[in-house]
C-alpha atoms as a PDB file:
ATOM      1  CA  UNK A   1      -8.506 -56.192 -38.748  1.00  0.00           C
ATOM      2  CA  UNK A   2      -9.462 -52.867 -38.616  1.00  0.00           C
ATOM      3  CA  UNK A   3     -12.496 -51.718 -37.320  1.00  0.00           C
ATOM      4  CA  UNK A   4     -14.915 -50.760 -39.919  1.00  0.00           C
ATOM      5  CA  UNK A   5     -14.417 -54.149 -42.074  1.00  0.00           C
ATOM      6  CA  UNK A   6     -16.327 -56.658 -42.058  1.00  0.00           C
ATOM      7  CA  UNK A   7     -16.814 -59.647 -44.360  1.00  0.00           C
ATOM      8  CA  UNK A   8     -20.172 -61.692 -45.101  1.00  0.00           C
ATOM      9  CA  UNK A   9     -20.329 -64.684 -44.943  1.00  0.00           C
ATOM     10  CA  UNK A  10     -22.593 -67.697 -46.364  1.00  0.00           C
ATOM     11  CA  UNK A  11     -23.888 -70.555 -43.864  1.00  0.00           C
ATOM     12  CA  UNK A  12     -21.015 -72.710 -45.051  1.00  0.00           C
ATOM     13  CA  UNK A  13     -18.299 -69.980 -43.896  1.00  0.00           C
ATOM     14  CA  UNK A  14     -17.212 -68.737 -47.426  1.00  0.00           C
ATOM     15  CA  UNK A  15     -16.936 -64.867 -48.322  1.00  0.00           C
ATOM     16  CA  UNK A  16     -19.065 -63.609 -50.324  1.00  0.00           C
ATOM     17  CA  UNK A  17     -18.481 -59.904 -49.526  1.00  0.00           C
ATOM     18  CA  UNK A  18     -17.390 -56.824 -47.933  1.00  0.00           C
ATOM     19  CA  UNK A  19     -19.345 -54.257 -45.360  1.00  0.00           C
ATOM     20  CA  UNK A  20     -16.991 -50.767 -45.183  1.00  0.00           C
ATOM     21  CA  UNK A  21     -19.295 -49.137 -42.348  1.00  0.00           C
ATOM     22  CA  UNK A  22     -17.743 -45.745 -43.130  1.00  0.00           C
ATOM     23  CA  UNK A  23     -19.554 -44.215 -40.293  1.00  0.00           C
ATOM     24  CA  UNK A  24     -16.685 -46.402 -37.759  1.00  0.00           C
ATOM     25  CA  UNK A  25     -14.289 -45.697 -39.728  1.00  0.00           C
ATOM     26  CA  UNK A  26     -14.400 -42.516 -39.016  1.00  0.00           C
ATOM     27  CA  UNK A  27     -14.661 -42.705 -35.542  1.00  0.00           C
ATOM     28  CA  UNK A  28     -11.922 -44.683 -35.384  1.00  0.00           C
ATOM     29  CA  UNK A  29      -9.757 -42.509 -37.398  1.00  0.00           C
ATOM     30  CA  UNK A  30      -9.086 -44.369 -39.812  1.00  0.00           C
ATOM     31  CA  UNK A  31      -7.536 -43.329 -43.007  1.00  0.00           C
ATOM     32  CA  UNK A  32      -8.066 -44.632 -46.966  1.00  0.00           C
ATOM     33  CA  UNK A  33      -4.795 -45.840 -47.246  1.00  0.00           C
ATOM     34  CA  UNK A  34      -4.856 -48.266 -43.923  1.00  0.00           C
ATOM     35  CA  UNK A  35      -8.264 -49.263 -45.927  1.00  0.00           C
ATOM     36  CA  UNK A  36      -6.309 -49.803 -48.639  1.00  0.00           C
ATOM     37  CA  UNK A  37      -3.235 -51.860 -46.798  1.00  0.00           C
ATOM     38  CA  UNK A  38      -6.061 -54.374 -44.580  1.00  0.00           C
ATOM     39  CA  UNK A  39      -7.376 -55.055 -47.984  1.00  0.00           C
ATOM     40  CA  UNK A  40      -4.260 -56.021 -49.762  1.00  0.00           C
ATOM     41  CA  UNK A  41      -5.121 -59.648 -50.311  1.00  0.00           C
ATOM     42  CA  UNK A  42      -8.442 -58.716 -52.195  1.00  0.00           C
ATOM     43  CA  UNK A  43      -7.346 -60.108 -55.535  1.00  0.00           C
ATOM     44  CA  UNK A  44      -7.177 -63.174 -53.726  1.00  0.00           C
ATOM     45  CA  UNK A  45     -10.561 -63.096 -51.922  1.00  0.00           C
ATOM     46  CA  UNK A  46     -12.360 -62.750 -55.261  1.00  0.00           C
ATOM     47  CA  UNK A  47     -10.140 -65.499 -57.310  1.00  0.00           C
ATOM     48  CA  UNK A  48     -10.802 -67.640 -54.416  1.00  0.00           C
ATOM     49  CA  UNK A  49     -14.540 -66.519 -54.447  1.00  0.00           C
ATOM     50  CA  UNK A  50     -17.164 -69.571 -54.844  1.00  0.00           C
ATOM     51  CA  UNK A  51     -20.075 -68.712 -57.524  1.00  0.00           C
ATOM     52  CA  UNK A  52     -23.311 -69.689 -56.986  1.00  0.00           C
ATOM     53  CA  UNK A  53     -25.052 -71.775 -59.447  1.00  0.00           C
ATOM     54  CA  UNK A  54     -28.541 -70.121 -58.801  1.00  0.00           C
ATOM     55  CA  UNK A  55     -29.239 -66.771 -60.085  1.00  0.00           C
ATOM     56  CA  UNK A  56     -28.431 -63.995 -57.563  1.00  0.00           C
ATOM     57  CA  UNK A  57     -31.501 -61.719 -56.620  1.00  0.00           C
ATOM     58  CA  UNK A  58     -32.365 -58.005 -57.893  1.00  0.00           C
ATOM     59  CA  UNK A  59     -32.161 -55.074 -55.237  1.00  0.00           C
ATOM     60  CA  UNK A  60     -36.085 -55.591 -55.369  1.00  0.00           C
ATOM     61  CA  UNK A  61     -36.341 -59.212 -54.040  1.00  0.00           C
ATOM     62  CA  UNK A  62     -33.874 -57.798 -51.076  1.00  0.00           C
ATOM     63  CA  UNK A  63     -36.057 -55.517 -49.941  1.00  0.00           C
ATOM     64  CA  UNK A  64     -38.632 -57.007 -49.775  1.00  0.00           C
ATOM     65  CA  UNK A  65     -37.428 -59.977 -48.190  1.00  0.00           C
ATOM     66  CA  UNK A  66     -35.982 -58.063 -45.275  1.00  0.00           C
ATOM     67  CA  UNK A  67     -39.451 -55.944 -45.429  1.00  0.00           C
ATOM     68  CA  UNK A  68     -41.123 -60.065 -44.344  1.00  0.00           C
ATOM     69  CA  UNK A  69     -38.764 -61.056 -41.789  1.00  0.00           C
ATOM     70  CA  UNK A  70     -39.402 -57.970 -39.418  1.00  0.00           C
ATOM     71  CA  UNK A  71     -43.761 -56.752 -39.700  1.00  0.00           C
END
């Protein structure tokens, strides 16, 4: 996989998200076409994604959780 493309997984190892680290992509002079090619299986990842039965949180609750991690 290309430097600067990171997959987020849950505690069970299921892929839940993708982070594109733009500064890393720039540092390694990776072109958008390379990123698109590296993500060519994205539709399959989307199709295989497991949906959580619990309701997703919102950004406000995520910020509060993060703030409470490091007082």
